[in-house]
Amino acid sequence: MRVAVQLAAEQAPWDDLVTYVCEAERLGAELCWVAEAWGCDAATPIGFLAARTERMRFGSGIMQLGARTPAMVAMTALTLSRITGGRYCLGLGASGPQVMEGLHGVPHGAALGRMRETVEIVRLAFAGERIEHPGTHFPLPLPGGEGKALRLAVPADDRIPIYLATLSPRMLELTGEVADGWLGTSFVPEAAASSLEPLAAGAARAHRSIADLDICQGAEVAFGDDVDEMVARRKPGLAFSLGGMGSASTNYYTRAYARQGWSEVAAEVQRLWVEGRREEAAARVPDAMVLATTLIGTEAMVRERLRGWSGAGVTTVRLYPAGATLDERLATLARAIEMIRELAASRA
């Protein structure tokens, strides 16, 4: 498994984040995914960090579908690939209705069709083609207007990998069909089939196999002996994913956990959260649910979970190392990377 790190540029002092990324590269992390939710954008930090590193690849994890036009997605990606010396990966995701409609004023519906058309237009631009697209959601040039089909002035680069962050079965199938990689989350390796089977079905439609995709999964990693305390500390965050990362009627995380065997718990936690009973929602999260979706616990526990991830088909592990300080986060990252290297060596 390759090692990636995940960065939220608004969550720490900028100088600490730069140090963290540079040290992560030195320790052996190969990719850095930069988040974009309702804080910092993804593109700006990548441009800066690429200038401070030498080998590490960077990905927008993720650019939100609808926050930019498809052509602007392509322009941004091509610009980043150019200034990073080809060390850029485009990550796209549909986000959710609360962010897209509340923050951007963009309807969230028809995400499947809009994602497919966005990828089609981006691929045209990457290949240096004139952008003509007779789509339902993004017809280009705009019918009835004065525009004409244009070719981007930035040099073409069709080597830029496209990753999709998807959770629902139909979006997973689209990922298998049109993407180079999958940015997954809420992943339970024992129930991996709920995600991998749709990915494989989509890949088959494109006359390829799931082995052609980079399966990039992310989770927090933390080491400690007081497992009960570690689990309890993470329940509010999982409750937020189940109840707050979406509306009462549209929450892809809740549905993803339901497909992996947690339907009753996920529904109950969501209900309590939406009702404003957040402490009760967190308390309702089972210990097993936290342990199933994270890389936390004793070294033996984390090692065993990593074996499970590798066995389930994960090819890139995206780490969120725990720690109250920069030094603690780097120490956690170093231990995790060494563990992944040992696992790889044992399977060689």
Foldseek 3Di string as FASTA:
>chain_A
DAEEAEAECVPDPNVLVLVLVQLLVVLHHAEYEYEDFPDDFRLPVLLVSLVVHDGHAYEHQAPEQPLDQLVVLLVSQLVSCVSSVNRYAYEYENFECCRCCVPVVGDSPPVLQSVLQSLVQSLCQLQQHFRADCGPVDGPPPPPDDDDTGHDPRDHHNPHFYEYEDQDLSVLLCRLQRGQEYEYALDFLVQLCNRQVSSQNSVVVNVHGSVSYQYEYEAEAEADAPLVVVLLVCLLVVLCLLAPSYHLVDRSSLVRVVSSPCNVLSNVSNVCVNVVNSVVSSVSDDSVSSLRRHQYYHPVSNLVSVVSCVVSPRRYYYYDYDDPDSVNSSVRSSSVVVSVVVVVVVVD
